[in-house]
Amino acid sequence: MNVNIYIYIFIAAFVTYLIRLIPLTLIKKKIKNQFICSFLYYVPYATLAAMTFPAVLYSTSSPYSAILGFISAILLAYKGKSLILVACSACIIVFICEIILETFGLI
């Protein structure tokens, strides 16, 4: 079993290395296509959102409190509030919502 896990780790490291190496070796000049530049600019944000969003909805006892916290965070972030204020406000809203739902026996 120990030999197999080292093979798996080596293959994963090799594939990760190739994914990073191939663009560096094949693309030598600056990318001038506006569409590709725009696409590559937003890839990290889209990846972060795709990894974070499911955790937001399933990290609480109730999806209702998660949705309310998420909506409050979106609204405060849209208004340009600080990250600390957005995060703390969303946590407080989720906490209050879960207390209310638990009080009425909905959780």
N, C-alpha and C. Protein backbone atom coordinates (compact mmCIF):
# COMPACT_ATOMS: atom_id res chain seq x y z
N MET A 1 0.82 -1.20 0.00
CA MET A 1 0.00 0.00 0.00
C MET A 1 0.86 1.26 0.00
N ASN A 2 1.97 1.25 0.72
CA ASN A 2 2.82 2.44 0.79
C ASN A 2 3.45 2.78 -0.56
N VAL A 3 3.78 1.75 -1.34
CA VAL A 3 4.38 1.99 -2.64
C VAL A 3 3.36 2.65 -3.56
N ASN A 4 2.12 2.19 -3.51
CA ASN A 4 1.08 2.76 -4.37
C ASN A 4 0.82 4.23 -4.07
N ILE A 5 0.85 4.61 -2.81
CA ILE A 5 0.57 6.00 -2.48
C ILE A 5 1.68 6.92 -2.99
N TYR A 6 2.91 6.44 -2.99
CA TYR A 6 4.00 7.25 -3.53
C TYR A 6 3.88 7.40 -5.04
N ILE A 7 3.41 6.37 -5.69
CA ILE A 7 3.17 6.47 -7.14
C ILE A 7 2.08 7.50 -7.42
N TYR A 8 1.02 7.45 -6.64
CA TYR A 8 -0.07 8.42 -6.82
C TYR A 8 0.41 9.85 -6.59
N ILE A 9 1.20 10.05 -5.55
CA ILE A 9 1.72 11.38 -5.25
C ILE A 9 2.64 11.86 -6.38
N PHE A 10 3.48 10.97 -6.89
CA PHE A 10 4.37 11.33 -7.99
C PHE A 10 3.59 11.71 -9.24
N ILE A 11 2.55 10.94 -9.56
CA ILE A 11 1.74 11.24 -10.75
C ILE A 11 1.02 12.57 -10.59
N ALA A 12 0.47 12.82 -9.42
CA ALA A 12 -0.21 14.09 -9.17
C ALA A 12 0.76 15.27 -9.27
N ALA A 13 1.96 15.11 -8.72
CA ALA A 13 2.96 16.17 -8.81
C ALA A 13 3.40 16.39 -10.25
N PHE A 14 3.57 15.33 -11.00
CA PHE A 14 3.99 15.43 -12.39
C PHE A 14 2.94 16.14 -13.24
N VAL A 15 1.68 15.77 -13.06
CA VAL A 15 0.59 16.41 -13.81
C VAL A 15 0.49 17.89 -13.46
N THR A 16 0.60 18.21 -12.18
CA THR A 16 0.56 19.60 -11.75
C THR A 16 1.73 20.39 -12.35
N TYR A 17 2.90 19.78 -12.37
CA TYR A 17 4.07 20.43 -12.95
C TYR A 17 3.87 20.66 -14.44
N LEU A 18 3.33 19.67 -15.15
CA LEU A 18 3.10 19.83 -16.58
C LEU A 18 2.10 20.94 -16.88
N ILE A 19 1.06 21.03 -16.07
CA ILE A 19 0.05 22.07 -16.27
C ILE A 19 0.67 23.45 -16.15
N ARG A 20 1.64 23.60 -15.29
CA ARG A 20 2.30 24.89 -15.12
C ARG A 20 3.43 25.11 -16.11
N LEU A 21 4.05 24.04 -16.56
CA LEU A 21 5.20 24.15 -17.45
C LEU A 21 4.81 24.38 -18.91
N ILE A 22 3.78 23.72 -19.37
CA ILE A 22 3.40 23.80 -20.79
C ILE A 22 3.10 25.23 -21.24
N PRO A 23 2.30 26.01 -20.52
CA PRO A 23 2.08 27.39 -20.98
C PRO A 23 3.36 28.23 -20.98
N LEU A 24 4.25 27.98 -20.05
CA LEU A 24 5.50 28.76 -20.01
C LEU A 24 6.41 28.44 -21.20
N THR A 25 6.38 27.21 -21.66
CA THR A 25 7.26 26.84 -22.77
C THR A 25 6.64 27.12 -24.13
N LEU A 26 5.31 27.03 -24.23
CA LEU A 26 4.66 27.21 -25.53
C LEU A 26 4.35 28.66 -25.86
N ILE A 27 4.07 29.46 -24.85
CA ILE A 27 3.69 30.85 -25.08
C ILE A 27 4.88 31.73 -24.69
N LYS A 28 5.58 32.24 -25.69
CA LYS A 28 6.78 33.03 -25.42
C LYS A 28 6.51 34.53 -25.45
N LYS A 29 5.56 34.95 -26.27
CA LYS A 29 5.30 36.38 -26.38
C LYS A 29 4.06 36.79 -25.57
N LYS A 30 3.90 38.07 -25.39
CA LYS A 30 2.77 38.58 -24.62
C LYS A 30 1.46 38.33 -25.36
N ILE A 31 0.42 37.95 -24.60
CA ILE A 31 -0.90 37.70 -25.17
C ILE A 31 -1.57 39.05 -25.43
N LYS A 32 -1.94 39.29 -26.68
CA LYS A 32 -2.53 40.58 -27.05
C LYS A 32 -4.03 40.49 -27.30
N ASN A 33 -4.55 39.29 -27.39
CA ASN A 33 -5.97 39.11 -27.62
C ASN A 33 -6.74 39.57 -26.38
N GLN A 34 -7.65 40.51 -26.56
CA GLN A 34 -8.37 41.10 -25.43
C GLN A 34 -9.29 40.08 -24.77
N PHE A 35 -9.90 39.21 -25.55
CA PHE A 35 -10.80 38.19 -24.99
C PHE A 35 -10.03 37.22 -24.10
N ILE A 36 -8.90 36.74 -24.57
CA ILE A 36 -8.12 35.78 -23.79
C ILE A 36 -7.57 36.44 -22.53
N CYS A 37 -7.11 37.68 -22.65
CA CYS A 37 -6.62 38.40 -21.46
C CYS A 37 -7.72 38.59 -20.44
N SER A 38 -8.91 38.95 -20.90
CA SER A 38 -10.04 39.12 -20.00
C SER A 38 -10.43 37.79 -19.36
N PHE A 39 -10.42 36.73 -20.15
CA PHE A 39 -10.75 35.40 -19.63
C PHE A 39 -9.75 34.99 -18.55
N LEU A 40 -8.48 35.14 -18.82
CA LEU A 40 -7.45 34.75 -17.86
C LEU A 40 -7.46 35.63 -16.62
N TYR A 41 -7.91 36.87 -16.76
CA TYR A 41 -7.99 37.76 -15.61
C TYR A 41 -9.03 37.27 -14.61
N TYR A 42 -10.16 36.75 -15.10
CA TYR A 42 -11.26 36.36 -14.22
C TYR A 42 -11.21 34.91 -13.77
N VAL A 43 -10.31 34.11 -14.28
CA VAL A 43 -10.22 32.69 -13.88
C VAL A 43 -10.00 32.52 -12.38
N PRO A 44 -9.08 33.24 -11.74
CA PRO A 44 -8.91 33.04 -10.29
C PRO A 44 -10.17 33.38 -9.48
N TYR A 45 -10.87 34.44 -9.89
CA TYR A 45 -12.09 34.81 -9.16
C TYR A 45 -13.19 33.77 -9.33
N ALA A 46 -13.34 33.26 -10.52
CA ALA A 46 -14.35 32.24 -10.77
C ALA A 46 -14.02 30.95 -10.04
N THR A 47 -12.75 30.60 -9.99
CA THR A 47 -12.35 29.39 -9.28
C THR A 47 -12.58 29.53 -7.79
N LEU A 48 -12.23 30.66 -7.24
CA LEU A 48 -12.46 30.90 -5.82
C LEU A 48 -13.94 30.87 -5.48
N ALA A 49 -14.76 31.47 -6.32
CA ALA A 49 -16.20 31.46 -6.09
C ALA A 49 -16.76 30.05 -6.18
N ALA A 50 -16.29 29.26 -7.14
CA ALA A 50 -16.78 27.89 -7.30
C ALA A 50 -16.39 27.01 -6.12
N MET A 51 -15.26 27.29 -5.50
CA MET A 51 -14.85 26.50 -4.34
C MET A 51 -15.52 26.98 -3.05
N THR A 52 -15.81 28.26 -2.96
CA THR A 52 -16.33 28.83 -1.72
C THR A 52 -17.85 28.72 -1.61
N PHE A 53 -18.56 28.90 -2.69
CA PHE A 53 -20.02 28.99 -2.63
C PHE A 53 -20.68 27.76 -2.02
N PRO A 54 -20.32 26.53 -2.40
CA PRO A 54 -20.96 25.38 -1.74
C PRO A 54 -20.69 25.33 -0.24
N ALA A 55 -19.51 25.74 0.18
CA ALA A 55 -19.20 25.74 1.61
C ALA A 55 -20.06 26.75 2.36
N VAL A 56 -20.40 27.84 1.70
CA VAL A 56 -21.24 28.86 2.34
C VAL A 56 -22.63 28.28 2.63
N LEU A 57 -23.17 27.53 1.69
CA LEU A 57 -24.53 27.02 1.86
C LEU A 57 -24.63 25.83 2.81
N TYR A 58 -23.56 25.05 2.94
CA TYR A 58 -23.64 23.83 3.74
C TYR A 58 -22.87 23.92 5.06
N SER A 59 -22.43 25.09 5.46
CA SER A 59 -21.66 25.22 6.69
C SER A 59 -22.52 25.53 7.91
N THR A 60 -23.81 25.74 7.71
CA THR A 60 -24.70 26.04 8.83
C THR A 60 -25.69 24.91 9.03
N SER A 61 -26.45 25.02 10.11
CA SER A 61 -27.45 23.98 10.40
C SER A 61 -28.64 24.04 9.46
N SER A 62 -28.91 25.22 8.95
CA SER A 62 -30.07 25.41 8.10
C SER A 62 -29.67 26.18 6.84
N PRO A 63 -30.17 25.76 5.70
CA PRO A 63 -29.86 26.52 4.49
C PRO A 63 -30.48 27.92 4.49
N TYR A 64 -31.54 28.12 5.26
CA TYR A 64 -32.16 29.44 5.33
C TYR A 64 -31.23 30.47 5.98
N SER A 65 -30.60 30.07 7.07
CA SER A 65 -29.66 31.00 7.71
C SER A 65 -28.45 31.25 6.82
N ALA A 66 -28.01 30.24 6.10
CA ALA A 66 -26.88 30.41 5.19
C ALA A 66 -27.23 31.38 4.06
N ILE A 67 -28.42 31.25 3.52
CA ILE A 67 -28.85 32.14 2.43
C ILE A 67 -28.98 33.58 2.93
N LEU A 68 -29.55 33.76 4.13
CA LEU A 68 -29.67 35.11 4.68
C LEU A 68 -28.30 35.74 4.93
N GLY A 69 -27.38 34.97 5.47
CA GLY A 69 -26.02 35.47 5.69
C GLY A 69 -25.33 35.81 4.38
N PHE A 70 -25.53 34.96 3.38
CA PHE A 70 -24.93 35.19 2.07
C PHE A 70 -25.49 36.45 1.42
N ILE A 71 -26.78 36.62 1.49
CA ILE A 71 -27.41 37.82 0.90
C ILE A 71 -26.93 39.08 1.61
N SER A 72 -26.84 39.02 2.93
CA SER A 72 -26.36 40.20 3.66
C SER A 72 -24.91 40.52 3.30
N ALA A 73 -24.09 39.49 3.14
CA ALA A 73 -22.69 39.72 2.76
C ALA A 73 -22.60 40.32 1.36
N ILE A 74 -23.42 39.83 0.44
CA ILE A 74 -23.42 40.36 -0.93
C ILE A 74 -23.83 41.84 -0.92
N LEU A 75 -24.88 42.16 -0.19
CA LEU A 75 -25.36 43.55 -0.15
C LEU A 75 -24.32 44.49 0.46
N LEU A 76 -23.71 44.08 1.57
CA LEU A 76 -22.71 44.94 2.20
C LEU A 76 -21.45 45.08 1.34
N ALA A 77 -21.07 43.99 0.68
CA ALA A 77 -19.90 44.07 -0.20
C ALA A 77 -20.20 44.95 -1.41
N TYR A 78 -21.41 44.88 -1.90
CA TYR A 78 -21.80 45.71 -3.05
C TYR A 78 -21.77 47.19 -2.69
N LYS A 79 -22.10 47.49 -1.42
CA LYS A 79 -22.07 48.89 -0.98
C LYS A 79 -20.66 49.36 -0.66
N GLY A 80 -19.66 48.46 -0.78
CA GLY A 80 -18.27 48.85 -0.60
C GLY A 80 -17.78 48.83 0.83
N LYS A 81 -18.44 48.08 1.69
CA LYS A 81 -18.01 48.00 3.09
C LYS A 81 -16.75 47.15 3.20
N SER A 82 -16.08 47.25 4.34
CA SER A 82 -14.82 46.53 4.53
C SER A 82 -15.06 45.03 4.69
N LEU A 83 -14.02 44.26 4.45
CA LEU A 83 -14.12 42.80 4.53
C LEU A 83 -14.47 42.35 5.94
N ILE A 84 -13.90 43.00 6.94
CA ILE A 84 -14.19 42.64 8.34
C ILE A 84 -15.66 42.88 8.65
N LEU A 85 -16.19 44.02 8.23
CA LEU A 85 -17.60 44.33 8.47
C LEU A 85 -18.51 43.34 7.75
N VAL A 86 -18.18 43.01 6.52
CA VAL A 86 -19.00 42.07 5.74
C VAL A 86 -19.01 40.70 6.41
N ALA A 87 -17.83 40.20 6.78
CA ALA A 87 -17.73 38.87 7.38
C ALA A 87 -18.42 38.82 8.74
N CYS A 88 -18.17 39.82 9.57
CA CYS A 88 -18.79 39.83 10.91
C CYS A 88 -20.30 39.97 10.83
N SER A 89 -20.79 40.80 9.94
CA SER A 89 -22.23 40.98 9.79
C SER A 89 -22.90 39.70 9.32
N ALA A 90 -22.28 39.02 8.35
CA ALA A 90 -22.85 37.76 7.88
C ALA A 90 -22.87 36.72 8.99
N CYS A 91 -21.81 36.66 9.78
CA CYS A 91 -21.77 35.70 10.89
C CYS A 91 -22.83 36.01 11.94
N ILE A 92 -23.00 37.28 12.25
CA ILE A 92 -24.01 37.68 13.25
C ILE A 92 -25.41 37.36 12.74
N ILE A 93 -25.68 37.63 11.48
CA ILE A 93 -27.01 37.34 10.93
C ILE A 93 -27.28 35.84 10.93
N VAL A 94 -26.29 35.05 10.56
CA VAL A 94 -26.46 33.59 10.61
C VAL A 94 -26.70 33.13 12.04
N PHE A 95 -25.94 33.66 12.97
CA PHE A 95 -26.10 33.28 14.38
C PHE A 95 -27.50 33.61 14.89
N ILE A 96 -27.98 34.82 14.62
CA ILE A 96 -29.32 35.23 15.08
C ILE A 96 -30.40 34.40 14.40
N CYS A 97 -30.23 34.17 13.11
CA CYS A 97 -31.22 33.38 12.38
C CYS A 97 -31.29 31.95 12.91
N GLU A 98 -30.14 31.37 13.24
CA GLU A 98 -30.14 30.01 13.77
C GLU A 98 -30.75 29.95 15.16
N ILE A 99 -30.54 30.98 15.97
CA ILE A 99 -31.18 31.03 17.29
C ILE A 99 -32.69 31.09 17.13
N ILE A 100 -33.17 31.93 16.23
CA ILE A 100 -34.61 32.07 15.99
C ILE A 100 -35.19 30.76 15.47
N LEU A 101 -34.51 30.15 14.50
CA LEU A 101 -35.02 28.88 13.94
C LEU A 101 -35.01 27.77 14.99
N GLU A 102 -34.00 27.76 15.86
CA GLU A 102 -33.93 26.74 16.90
C GLU A 102 -35.00 26.97 17.96
N THR A 103 -35.30 28.24 18.24
CA THR A 103 -36.33 28.57 19.23
C THR A 103 -37.69 28.07 18.78
N PHE A 104 -37.98 28.22 17.50
CA PHE A 104 -39.29 27.77 16.98
C PHE A 104 -39.27 26.31 16.54
N GLY A 105 -38.17 25.61 16.76
CA GLY A 105 -38.08 24.20 16.44
C GLY A 105 -38.05 23.88 14.95
N LEU A 106 -37.53 24.79 14.16
CA LEU A 106 -37.48 24.57 12.71
C LEU A 106 -36.17 23.93 12.26
N ILE A 107 -35.25 23.77 13.19
CA ILE A 107 -33.98 23.09 12.84
C ILE A 107 -34.01 21.68 13.35
